[in-house]
């Protein structure tokens, strides 16, 4: 299954909306696209996962990698709108303690603009 990818400017960030299963098969493509965004100078990203029904450990690794890359350049990452099973994966693995997980894109954007 392929992952579709759209981006749009957000509130002092880039919103990346993914649709589809993010797993071992699709993570390399997503990582390459994210690297291109980073290479273009993006420093803050909201990952909108509202259309992602399932993620695996490779997707978690990708999200942690992205978070570290952005922090190293003075930026940040946040996750928005995960479906219940995806949110549960974040909670079970404690990734939600590493980077913020929000119910909406607007809340994630606001958190990146004025971190707590």
N, C-alpha and C. Protein backbone atom coordinates (compact mmCIF):
# COMPACT_ATOMS: atom_id res chain seq x y z
N UNK A 1 0.84 -1.18 0.00
CA UNK A 1 0.00 0.00 0.00
C UNK A 1 0.89 1.25 0.00
N UNK A 2 0.56 2.20 -0.81
CA UNK A 2 1.31 3.45 -0.90
C UNK A 2 0.82 4.45 0.12
N UNK A 3 1.70 5.36 0.44
CA UNK A 3 1.35 6.48 1.32
C UNK A 3 1.28 7.71 0.45
N UNK A 4 0.17 8.45 0.56
CA UNK A 4 0.11 9.71 -0.16
C UNK A 4 0.59 10.81 0.78
N UNK A 5 1.04 11.89 0.18
CA UNK A 5 1.76 12.94 0.90
C UNK A 5 1.33 14.28 0.36
N UNK A 6 0.88 15.15 1.22
CA UNK A 6 0.61 16.53 0.83
C UNK A 6 1.24 17.45 1.87
N UNK A 7 1.61 18.63 1.42
CA UNK A 7 2.16 19.62 2.34
C UNK A 7 1.44 20.94 2.11
N UNK A 8 1.45 21.73 3.17
CA UNK A 8 0.92 23.09 3.07
C UNK A 8 1.60 23.93 4.13
N UNK A 9 1.73 25.22 3.86
CA UNK A 9 2.30 26.09 4.88
C UNK A 9 1.35 26.13 6.08
N UNK A 10 1.93 26.06 7.25
CA UNK A 10 1.16 26.18 8.48
C UNK A 10 1.53 27.46 9.19
N UNK A 11 1.16 27.52 10.43
CA UNK A 11 1.47 28.69 11.26
C UNK A 11 2.90 28.57 11.74
N UNK A 12 3.82 29.19 11.01
CA UNK A 12 5.26 29.14 11.28
C UNK A 12 5.82 27.72 11.24
N UNK A 13 5.22 26.89 10.39
CA UNK A 13 5.68 25.50 10.23
C UNK A 13 5.20 24.98 8.88
N UNK A 14 5.59 23.76 8.58
CA UNK A 14 5.08 23.06 7.41
C UNK A 14 4.19 21.94 7.93
N UNK A 15 2.99 21.83 7.38
CA UNK A 15 2.09 20.74 7.74
C UNK A 15 2.24 19.66 6.68
N UNK A 16 2.61 18.47 7.13
CA UNK A 16 2.77 17.32 6.24
C UNK A 16 1.65 16.34 6.57
N UNK A 17 0.75 16.15 5.61
CA UNK A 17 -0.35 15.22 5.82
C UNK A 17 -0.03 13.91 5.10
N UNK A 18 -0.04 12.84 5.87
CA UNK A 18 0.18 11.51 5.31
C UNK A 18 -1.14 10.76 5.29
N UNK A 19 -1.34 9.95 4.26
CA UNK A 19 -2.53 9.11 4.15
C UNK A 19 -2.10 7.72 3.76
N UNK A 20 -2.54 6.72 4.53
CA UNK A 20 -2.20 5.34 4.25
C UNK A 20 -1.37 4.76 5.38
N UNK A 21 -1.06 3.49 5.26
CA UNK A 21 -0.28 2.79 6.27
C UNK A 21 1.19 3.19 6.16
N UNK A 22 1.77 3.61 7.28
CA UNK A 22 3.19 3.95 7.31
C UNK A 22 3.90 2.80 8.02
N UNK A 23 4.60 2.01 7.21
CA UNK A 23 5.24 0.81 7.74
C UNK A 23 6.59 0.59 7.06
N UNK A 24 7.16 -0.57 7.26
CA UNK A 24 8.47 -0.89 6.73
C UNK A 24 8.55 -0.69 5.21
N UNK A 25 7.47 -0.94 4.52
CA UNK A 25 7.46 -0.80 3.07
C UNK A 25 7.40 0.65 2.61
N UNK A 26 6.74 1.51 3.37
CA UNK A 26 6.54 2.89 2.92
C UNK A 26 7.44 3.90 3.61
N UNK A 27 8.03 3.53 4.74
CA UNK A 27 8.87 4.46 5.49
C UNK A 27 10.06 5.02 4.69
N UNK A 28 10.77 4.21 3.90
CA UNK A 28 11.90 4.79 3.15
C UNK A 28 11.51 5.96 2.25
N UNK A 29 10.36 5.86 1.57
CA UNK A 29 9.92 6.94 0.70
C UNK A 29 9.57 8.18 1.53
N UNK A 30 8.87 7.98 2.64
CA UNK A 30 8.51 9.10 3.50
C UNK A 30 9.77 9.77 4.05
N UNK A 31 10.74 8.97 4.45
CA UNK A 31 11.99 9.53 4.99
C UNK A 31 12.71 10.36 3.92
N UNK A 32 12.76 9.85 2.71
CA UNK A 32 13.42 10.59 1.63
C UNK A 32 12.72 11.93 1.40
N UNK A 33 11.41 11.93 1.39
CA UNK A 33 10.67 13.17 1.19
C UNK A 33 10.90 14.14 2.36
N UNK A 34 10.91 13.61 3.57
CA UNK A 34 11.17 14.47 4.73
C UNK A 34 12.58 15.04 4.68
N UNK A 35 13.54 14.25 4.24
CA UNK A 35 14.92 14.75 4.13
C UNK A 35 14.97 15.89 3.13
N UNK A 36 14.24 15.79 2.03
CA UNK A 36 14.20 16.87 1.04
C UNK A 36 13.62 18.15 1.66
N UNK A 37 12.59 18.00 2.46
CA UNK A 37 11.98 19.15 3.14
C UNK A 37 12.98 19.78 4.10
N UNK A 38 13.70 18.94 4.84
CA UNK A 38 14.72 19.46 5.75
C UNK A 38 15.84 20.16 4.99
N UNK A 39 16.26 19.56 3.88
CA UNK A 39 17.31 20.15 3.06
C UNK A 39 16.89 21.50 2.49
N UNK A 40 15.59 21.70 2.31
CA UNK A 40 15.08 22.98 1.82
C UNK A 40 14.99 24.04 2.91
N UNK A 41 15.33 23.65 4.15
CA UNK A 41 15.38 24.63 5.23
C UNK A 41 14.21 24.63 6.20
N UNK A 42 13.29 23.71 6.05
CA UNK A 42 12.16 23.64 6.98
C UNK A 42 12.68 23.29 8.37
N UNK A 43 12.20 24.00 9.39
CA UNK A 43 12.69 23.78 10.75
C UNK A 43 11.59 23.35 11.73
N UNK A 44 10.33 23.46 11.32
CA UNK A 44 9.22 23.03 12.18
C UNK A 44 8.19 22.32 11.31
N UNK A 45 7.78 21.14 11.77
CA UNK A 45 6.85 20.31 11.00
C UNK A 45 5.76 19.77 11.90
N UNK A 46 4.53 19.87 11.42
CA UNK A 46 3.40 19.17 12.03
C UNK A 46 3.09 17.99 11.12
N UNK A 47 3.16 16.78 11.69
CA UNK A 47 2.79 15.58 10.96
C UNK A 47 1.32 15.31 11.22
N UNK A 48 0.49 15.50 10.21
CA UNK A 48 -0.94 15.24 10.31
C UNK A 48 -1.17 13.77 9.97
N UNK A 49 -1.48 12.97 10.99
CA UNK A 49 -1.66 11.53 10.80
C UNK A 49 -3.13 11.12 10.86
N UNK A 50 -4.03 12.06 10.64
CA UNK A 50 -5.46 11.77 10.69
C UNK A 50 -5.93 10.73 9.69
N UNK A 51 -5.21 10.58 8.60
CA UNK A 51 -5.57 9.61 7.56
C UNK A 51 -4.65 8.39 7.56
N UNK A 52 -3.94 8.18 8.65
CA UNK A 52 -3.03 7.04 8.78
C UNK A 52 -3.67 6.03 9.73
N UNK A 53 -4.14 4.90 9.20
CA UNK A 53 -4.82 3.93 10.05
C UNK A 53 -3.89 3.07 10.89
N UNK A 54 -2.60 2.98 10.50
CA UNK A 54 -1.70 2.07 11.19
C UNK A 54 -0.25 2.49 10.94
N UNK A 55 0.58 2.38 12.00
CA UNK A 55 2.02 2.59 11.86
C UNK A 55 2.73 1.42 12.52
N UNK A 56 3.99 1.21 12.15
CA UNK A 56 4.78 0.16 12.80
C UNK A 56 6.04 0.80 13.41
N UNK A 57 6.93 -0.06 13.88
CA UNK A 57 8.13 0.44 14.56
C UNK A 57 9.03 1.25 13.64
N UNK A 58 9.05 0.94 12.35
CA UNK A 58 9.88 1.74 11.45
C UNK A 58 9.33 3.16 11.32
N UNK A 59 8.02 3.31 11.37
CA UNK A 59 7.42 4.64 11.33
C UNK A 59 7.74 5.40 12.61
N UNK A 60 7.71 4.71 13.75
CA UNK A 60 8.09 5.37 15.00
C UNK A 60 9.54 5.84 14.95
N UNK A 61 10.41 4.99 14.43
CA UNK A 61 11.81 5.37 14.28
C UNK A 61 11.96 6.59 13.38
N UNK A 62 11.20 6.64 12.32
CA UNK A 62 11.23 7.77 11.40
C UNK A 62 10.80 9.05 12.11
N UNK A 63 9.75 8.98 12.89
CA UNK A 63 9.24 10.16 13.59
C UNK A 63 10.25 10.64 14.63
N UNK A 64 10.87 9.72 15.34
CA UNK A 64 11.91 10.09 16.31
C UNK A 64 13.10 10.72 15.59
N UNK A 65 13.51 10.15 14.44
CA UNK A 65 14.60 10.71 13.63
C UNK A 65 14.26 12.15 13.21
N UNK A 66 13.04 12.35 12.72
CA UNK A 66 12.62 13.68 12.29
C UNK A 66 12.68 14.67 13.45
N UNK A 67 12.17 14.26 14.58
CA UNK A 67 12.17 15.10 15.77
C UNK A 67 13.60 15.52 16.13
N UNK A 68 14.52 14.58 16.14
CA UNK A 68 15.91 14.88 16.47
C UNK A 68 16.55 15.80 15.44
N UNK A 69 16.27 15.58 14.17
CA UNK A 69 16.82 16.44 13.12
C UNK A 69 16.35 17.88 13.30
N UNK A 70 15.07 18.05 13.58
CA UNK A 70 14.53 19.39 13.73
C UNK A 70 15.06 20.07 15.00
N UNK A 71 15.14 19.32 16.09
CA UNK A 71 15.69 19.90 17.32
C UNK A 71 17.13 20.35 17.14
N UNK A 72 17.90 19.58 16.40
CA UNK A 72 19.31 19.92 16.18
C UNK A 72 19.46 21.23 15.41
N UNK A 73 18.42 21.64 14.70
CA UNK A 73 18.48 22.88 13.93
C UNK A 73 17.58 23.96 14.53
N UNK A 74 17.25 23.81 15.81
CA UNK A 74 16.48 24.84 16.49
C UNK A 74 15.01 24.83 16.23
N UNK A 75 14.50 23.76 15.66
CA UNK A 75 13.08 23.68 15.35
C UNK A 75 12.37 22.64 16.20
N UNK A 76 11.31 22.10 15.65
CA UNK A 76 10.56 21.10 16.39
C UNK A 76 9.56 20.39 15.51
N UNK A 77 9.01 19.32 16.07
CA UNK A 77 8.00 18.53 15.38
C UNK A 77 6.85 18.27 16.34
N UNK A 78 5.68 18.08 15.78
CA UNK A 78 4.50 17.69 16.55
C UNK A 78 3.66 16.78 15.68
N UNK A 79 2.89 15.93 16.32
CA UNK A 79 1.98 15.02 15.64
C UNK A 79 0.56 15.51 15.87
N UNK A 80 -0.26 15.44 14.83
CA UNK A 80 -1.65 15.90 14.94
C UNK A 80 -2.62 14.83 14.45
N UNK A 81 -3.73 14.74 15.16
CA UNK A 81 -4.87 13.95 14.72
C UNK A 81 -4.72 12.46 14.56
N UNK A 82 -3.88 11.79 15.34
CA UNK A 82 -3.75 10.36 15.11
C UNK A 82 -5.04 9.61 15.44
N UNK A 83 -5.33 8.59 14.65
CA UNK A 83 -6.47 7.74 14.93
C UNK A 83 -6.20 6.99 16.23
N UNK A 84 -7.22 6.48 16.90
CA UNK A 84 -7.03 5.86 18.22
C UNK A 84 -5.95 4.78 18.27
N UNK A 85 -5.88 3.92 17.29
CA UNK A 85 -4.87 2.86 17.34
C UNK A 85 -3.46 3.42 17.18
N UNK A 86 -3.32 4.46 16.36
CA UNK A 86 -2.01 5.09 16.18
C UNK A 86 -1.62 5.83 17.46
N UNK A 87 -2.56 6.52 18.06
CA UNK A 87 -2.29 7.20 19.33
C UNK A 87 -1.87 6.18 20.39
N UNK A 88 -2.51 5.03 20.40
CA UNK A 88 -2.17 4.00 21.37
C UNK A 88 -0.73 3.51 21.17
N UNK A 89 -0.28 3.40 19.92
CA UNK A 89 1.10 3.01 19.65
C UNK A 89 2.06 4.05 20.23
N UNK A 90 1.74 5.33 20.05
CA UNK A 90 2.58 6.39 20.63
C UNK A 90 2.63 6.27 22.15
N UNK A 91 1.48 6.01 22.76
CA UNK A 91 1.43 5.92 24.22
C UNK A 91 2.15 4.67 24.74
N UNK A 92 1.95 3.53 24.10
CA UNK A 92 2.57 2.28 24.55
C UNK A 92 4.10 2.32 24.45
N UNK A 93 4.60 3.05 23.48
CA UNK A 93 6.05 3.14 23.27
C UNK A 93 6.66 4.39 23.91
N UNK A 94 5.83 5.20 24.52
CA UNK A 94 6.23 6.46 25.18
C UNK A 94 6.79 7.51 24.21
N UNK A 95 6.56 7.35 22.94
CA UNK A 95 6.98 8.37 21.98
C UNK A 95 6.21 9.66 22.23
N UNK A 96 5.00 9.55 22.79
CA UNK A 96 4.23 10.75 23.11
C UNK A 96 4.89 11.58 24.22
N UNK A 97 5.85 11.01 24.94
CA UNK A 97 6.61 11.77 25.93
C UNK A 97 7.79 12.51 25.28
N UNK A 98 8.19 12.05 24.12
CA UNK A 98 9.32 12.65 23.41
C UNK A 98 8.88 13.87 22.60
N UNK A 99 7.76 13.75 21.90
CA UNK A 99 7.26 14.87 21.14
C UNK A 99 5.76 14.96 21.33
N UNK A 100 5.21 16.16 21.20
CA UNK A 100 3.80 16.35 21.49
C UNK A 100 2.88 15.70 20.45
N UNK A 101 1.78 15.15 20.97
CA UNK A 101 0.73 14.57 20.13
C UNK A 101 -0.54 15.35 20.44
N UNK A 102 -1.14 15.93 19.40
CA UNK A 102 -2.31 16.79 19.57
C UNK A 102 -3.50 16.23 18.80
N UNK A 103 -4.68 16.63 19.24
CA UNK A 103 -5.90 16.16 18.57
C UNK A 103 -6.10 16.81 17.21
N UNK A 104 -5.64 18.04 17.06
CA UNK A 104 -5.86 18.77 15.81
C UNK A 104 -4.57 19.39 15.29
N UNK A 105 -4.59 19.70 14.01
CA UNK A 105 -3.44 20.39 13.40
C UNK A 105 -3.29 21.77 14.02
N UNK A 106 -4.41 22.46 14.24
CA UNK A 106 -4.35 23.80 14.83
C UNK A 106 -3.68 23.78 16.20
N UNK A 107 -3.99 22.79 17.02
CA UNK A 107 -3.36 22.69 18.34
C UNK A 107 -1.87 22.39 18.23
N UNK A 108 -1.51 21.55 17.28
CA UNK A 108 -0.09 21.24 17.07
C UNK A 108 0.67 22.46 16.58
N UNK A 109 0.07 23.21 15.66
CA UNK A 109 0.71 24.43 15.18
C UNK A 109 0.91 25.43 16.32
N UNK A 110 -0.11 25.59 17.15
CA UNK A 110 -0.01 26.53 18.26
C UNK A 110 1.07 26.12 19.24
N UNK A 111 1.22 24.83 19.47
CA UNK A 111 2.25 24.34 20.39
C UNK A 111 3.64 24.60 19.84
N UNK A 112 3.81 24.48 18.54
CA UNK A 112 5.13 24.73 17.94
C UNK A 112 5.48 26.21 17.97
N UNK A 113 4.47 27.08 17.84
CA UNK A 113 4.71 28.51 17.85
C UNK A 113 5.08 28.98 19.25
N UNK A 114 4.38 28.46 20.24
CA UNK A 114 4.65 28.87 21.63
C UNK A 114 4.76 27.63 22.50
N UNK A 115 5.92 26.96 22.47
CA UNK A 115 6.08 25.74 23.26
C UNK A 115 5.91 25.99 24.75
N UNK A 116 5.34 24.99 25.42
CA UNK A 116 5.08 25.11 26.86
C UNK A 116 6.34 25.02 27.67
